[in-house]
Amino acid sequence: MQIVLFLLPAVALLLGGLGYFIFKNLYVAPLIVIITASISVYTVFNSSFWIWVVIYTLVSFLAGLFVKLLSSKRQTSNTY
């Protein structure tokens, strides 16, 4: 249970932030999260894990959006 509540959301946050930082695309990291979480529904967890798949995908997207907003704000403040 600790994995679902603490470890996997932290991984989704990191993957979302790093995914945007590396790929400069908001959709790559959430796509990776939804694919791997969907596979884990059938291999590791049961069907009640689907709600967590949605939550982790949203967390990953929001983390990427947050990094995008920070990087765009940083770029606009450095221009004269």
N, C-alpha and C. Protein backbone atom coordinates (compact mmCIF):
# COMPACT_ATOMS: atom_id res chain seq x y z
N MET A 1 0.82 -1.20 0.00
CA MET A 1 0.00 0.00 0.00
C MET A 1 0.87 1.26 0.00
N GLN A 2 2.02 1.21 0.66
CA GLN A 2 2.90 2.37 0.68
C GLN A 2 3.45 2.67 -0.71
N ILE A 3 3.61 1.63 -1.52
CA ILE A 3 4.10 1.84 -2.88
C ILE A 3 3.09 2.66 -3.67
N VAL A 4 1.82 2.33 -3.54
CA VAL A 4 0.78 3.02 -4.31
C VAL A 4 0.60 4.46 -3.82
N LEU A 5 0.74 4.70 -2.54
CA LEU A 5 0.49 6.03 -1.99
C LEU A 5 1.70 6.95 -1.99
N PHE A 6 2.91 6.42 -1.94
CA PHE A 6 4.08 7.27 -1.81
C PHE A 6 5.08 7.14 -2.95
N LEU A 7 5.47 5.95 -3.27
CA LEU A 7 6.53 5.74 -4.26
C LEU A 7 6.06 6.05 -5.69
N LEU A 8 4.95 5.49 -6.10
CA LEU A 8 4.49 5.69 -7.47
C LEU A 8 4.09 7.14 -7.78
N PRO A 9 3.45 7.87 -6.86
CA PRO A 9 3.20 9.29 -7.15
C PRO A 9 4.50 10.10 -7.25
N ALA A 10 5.48 9.75 -6.44
CA ALA A 10 6.77 10.45 -6.52
C ALA A 10 7.44 10.17 -7.86
N VAL A 11 7.35 8.94 -8.32
CA VAL A 11 7.90 8.59 -9.63
C VAL A 11 7.16 9.34 -10.74
N ALA A 12 5.84 9.44 -10.63
CA ALA A 12 5.06 10.16 -11.63
C ALA A 12 5.43 11.65 -11.64
N LEU A 13 5.63 12.23 -10.47
CA LEU A 13 6.06 13.63 -10.39
C LEU A 13 7.41 13.84 -11.05
N LEU A 14 8.36 13.00 -10.69
CA LEU A 14 9.70 13.13 -11.26
C LEU A 14 9.69 12.89 -12.76
N LEU A 15 8.97 11.89 -13.20
CA LEU A 15 8.92 11.59 -14.62
C LEU A 15 8.23 12.72 -15.39
N GLY A 16 7.20 13.30 -14.82
CA GLY A 16 6.52 14.41 -15.48
C GLY A 16 7.42 15.62 -15.62
N GLY A 17 8.11 15.97 -14.55
CA GLY A 17 9.01 17.12 -14.59
C GLY A 17 10.20 16.90 -15.49
N LEU A 18 10.85 15.77 -15.32
CA LEU A 18 12.01 15.46 -16.15
C LEU A 18 11.62 15.21 -17.60
N GLY A 19 10.44 14.64 -17.81
CA GLY A 19 9.97 14.38 -19.16
C GLY A 19 9.81 15.67 -19.96
N TYR A 20 9.25 16.70 -19.34
CA TYR A 20 9.15 17.96 -20.06
C TYR A 20 10.52 18.61 -20.22
N PHE A 21 11.33 18.53 -19.20
CA PHE A 21 12.66 19.14 -19.25
C PHE A 21 13.51 18.52 -20.36
N ILE A 22 13.40 17.22 -20.55
CA ILE A 22 14.22 16.53 -21.54
C ILE A 22 13.60 16.64 -22.94
N PHE A 23 12.31 16.34 -23.06
CA PHE A 23 11.67 16.25 -24.38
C PHE A 23 11.03 17.55 -24.85
N LYS A 24 10.83 18.51 -23.95
CA LYS A 24 10.13 19.77 -24.26
C LYS A 24 8.74 19.51 -24.84
N ASN A 25 8.09 18.48 -24.30
CA ASN A 25 6.75 18.11 -24.74
C ASN A 25 5.97 17.68 -23.50
N LEU A 26 4.77 18.22 -23.33
CA LEU A 26 3.97 17.91 -22.15
C LEU A 26 3.38 16.50 -22.16
N TYR A 27 3.31 15.87 -23.31
CA TYR A 27 2.55 14.63 -23.42
C TYR A 27 3.39 13.36 -23.40
N VAL A 28 4.69 13.46 -23.48
CA VAL A 28 5.53 12.26 -23.53
C VAL A 28 5.54 11.54 -22.19
N ALA A 29 5.81 12.25 -21.11
CA ALA A 29 5.88 11.61 -19.79
C ALA A 29 4.53 11.04 -19.35
N PRO A 30 3.41 11.77 -19.48
CA PRO A 30 2.13 11.15 -19.11
C PRO A 30 1.79 9.94 -19.97
N LEU A 31 2.21 9.95 -21.22
CA LEU A 31 2.00 8.78 -22.08
C LEU A 31 2.78 7.58 -21.56
N ILE A 32 4.01 7.81 -21.15
CA ILE A 32 4.82 6.73 -20.58
C ILE A 32 4.19 6.22 -19.29
N VAL A 33 3.70 7.14 -18.46
CA VAL A 33 3.08 6.76 -17.19
C VAL A 33 1.82 5.94 -17.43
N ILE A 34 0.98 6.38 -18.36
CA ILE A 34 -0.28 5.64 -18.58
C ILE A 34 -0.02 4.27 -19.20
N ILE A 35 0.98 4.17 -20.04
CA ILE A 35 1.29 2.86 -20.63
C ILE A 35 1.84 1.90 -19.58
N THR A 36 2.80 2.35 -18.80
CA THR A 36 3.39 1.45 -17.79
C THR A 36 2.39 1.13 -16.68
N ALA A 37 1.58 2.09 -16.28
CA ALA A 37 0.59 1.82 -15.24
C ALA A 37 -0.50 0.88 -15.75
N SER A 38 -0.88 1.02 -17.00
CA SER A 38 -1.88 0.13 -17.58
C SER A 38 -1.36 -1.30 -17.67
N ILE A 39 -0.11 -1.45 -18.02
CA ILE A 39 0.49 -2.78 -18.05
C ILE A 39 0.54 -3.37 -16.64
N SER A 40 0.85 -2.52 -15.66
CA SER A 40 0.94 -3.03 -14.29
C SER A 40 -0.42 -3.43 -13.72
N VAL A 41 -1.50 -2.89 -14.27
CA VAL A 41 -2.85 -3.32 -13.84
C VAL A 41 -3.02 -4.81 -14.10
N TYR A 42 -2.54 -5.25 -15.23
CA TYR A 42 -2.72 -6.65 -15.62
C TYR A 42 -1.64 -7.57 -15.07
N THR A 43 -0.47 -7.03 -14.74
CA THR A 43 0.62 -7.89 -14.29
C THR A 43 0.85 -7.88 -12.78
N VAL A 44 0.65 -6.74 -12.14
CA VAL A 44 1.00 -6.62 -10.72
C VAL A 44 -0.23 -6.39 -9.85
N PHE A 45 -1.07 -5.43 -10.24
CA PHE A 45 -2.21 -5.03 -9.42
C PHE A 45 -3.50 -5.62 -9.98
N ASN A 46 -4.62 -5.28 -9.34
CA ASN A 46 -5.92 -5.74 -9.85
C ASN A 46 -6.64 -4.60 -10.54
N SER A 47 -7.87 -4.83 -10.95
CA SER A 47 -8.59 -3.84 -11.75
C SER A 47 -8.95 -2.58 -10.96
N SER A 48 -8.91 -2.61 -9.66
CA SER A 48 -9.19 -1.40 -8.89
C SER A 48 -8.06 -0.38 -8.97
N PHE A 49 -6.95 -0.78 -9.57
CA PHE A 49 -5.81 0.12 -9.73
C PHE A 49 -6.04 1.13 -10.85
N TRP A 50 -7.10 0.96 -11.66
CA TRP A 50 -7.35 1.88 -12.77
C TRP A 50 -7.53 3.31 -12.31
N ILE A 51 -8.13 3.53 -11.16
CA ILE A 51 -8.28 4.91 -10.66
C ILE A 51 -6.91 5.53 -10.40
N TRP A 52 -5.96 4.72 -9.92
CA TRP A 52 -4.62 5.22 -9.68
C TRP A 52 -3.89 5.51 -10.99
N VAL A 53 -4.21 4.76 -12.02
CA VAL A 53 -3.63 5.02 -13.34
C VAL A 53 -4.00 6.43 -13.80
N VAL A 54 -5.26 6.78 -13.63
CA VAL A 54 -5.72 8.12 -14.01
C VAL A 54 -5.06 9.18 -13.15
N ILE A 55 -4.99 8.94 -11.85
CA ILE A 55 -4.40 9.92 -10.94
C ILE A 55 -2.92 10.12 -11.24
N TYR A 56 -2.18 9.05 -11.46
CA TYR A 56 -0.75 9.17 -11.76
C TYR A 56 -0.52 9.87 -13.08
N THR A 57 -1.38 9.65 -14.05
CA THR A 57 -1.25 10.34 -15.33
C THR A 57 -1.48 11.83 -15.16
N LEU A 58 -2.48 12.19 -14.39
CA LEU A 58 -2.74 13.61 -14.12
C LEU A 58 -1.61 14.25 -13.33
N VAL A 59 -1.06 13.54 -12.37
CA VAL A 59 0.07 14.06 -11.58
C VAL A 59 1.27 14.29 -12.49
N SER A 60 1.53 13.37 -13.39
CA SER A 60 2.64 13.51 -14.31
C SER A 60 2.43 14.69 -15.26
N PHE A 61 1.22 14.85 -15.76
CA PHE A 61 0.92 15.98 -16.64
C PHE A 61 1.07 17.31 -15.90
N LEU A 62 0.55 17.38 -14.68
CA LEU A 62 0.64 18.62 -13.90
C LEU A 62 2.08 18.96 -13.53
N ALA A 63 2.89 17.95 -13.27
CA ALA A 63 4.30 18.21 -12.99
C ALA A 63 5.00 18.76 -14.22
N GLY A 64 4.71 18.20 -15.38
CA GLY A 64 5.28 18.73 -16.62
C GLY A 64 4.81 20.14 -16.90
N LEU A 65 3.54 20.42 -16.64
CA LEU A 65 3.01 21.76 -16.83
C LEU A 65 3.67 22.75 -15.88
N PHE A 66 3.90 22.34 -14.66
CA PHE A 66 4.57 23.19 -13.68
C PHE A 66 5.99 23.52 -14.13
N VAL A 67 6.72 22.52 -14.62
CA VAL A 67 8.08 22.76 -15.12
C VAL A 67 8.05 23.66 -16.34
N LYS A 68 7.06 23.48 -17.20
CA LYS A 68 6.93 24.34 -18.38
C LYS A 68 6.69 25.78 -17.97
N LEU A 69 5.80 26.00 -17.01
CA LEU A 69 5.53 27.37 -16.55
C LEU A 69 6.76 27.99 -15.90
N LEU A 70 7.48 27.22 -15.12
CA LEU A 70 8.69 27.74 -14.50
C LEU A 70 9.76 28.07 -15.53
N SER A 71 9.93 27.22 -16.51
CA SER A 71 10.97 27.47 -17.51
C SER A 71 10.59 28.63 -18.42
N SER A 72 9.32 28.79 -18.75
CA SER A 72 8.92 29.91 -19.60
C SER A 72 9.01 31.22 -18.82
N LYS A 73 8.69 31.21 -17.55
CA LYS A 73 8.80 32.41 -16.74
C LYS A 73 10.27 32.79 -16.58
N ARG A 74 11.11 31.79 -16.44
CA ARG A 74 12.55 32.03 -16.29
C ARG A 74 13.12 32.61 -17.57
N GLN A 75 12.69 32.12 -18.73
CA GLN A 75 13.18 32.63 -20.01
C GLN A 75 12.72 34.05 -20.26
N THR A 76 11.50 34.39 -19.88
CA THR A 76 11.01 35.74 -20.11
C THR A 76 11.65 36.73 -19.16
N SER A 77 12.05 36.31 -17.98
CA SER A 77 12.69 37.24 -17.05
C SER A 77 14.15 37.49 -17.42
N ASN A 78 14.76 36.61 -18.21
CA ASN A 78 16.15 36.79 -18.61
C ASN A 78 16.28 37.63 -19.86
N THR A 79 15.23 37.89 -20.58
CA THR A 79 15.31 38.71 -21.79
C THR A 79 15.15 40.18 -21.41
N TYR A 80 15.83 41.04 -22.14
CA TYR A 80 15.77 42.47 -21.84
C TYR A 80 15.02 43.21 -22.89
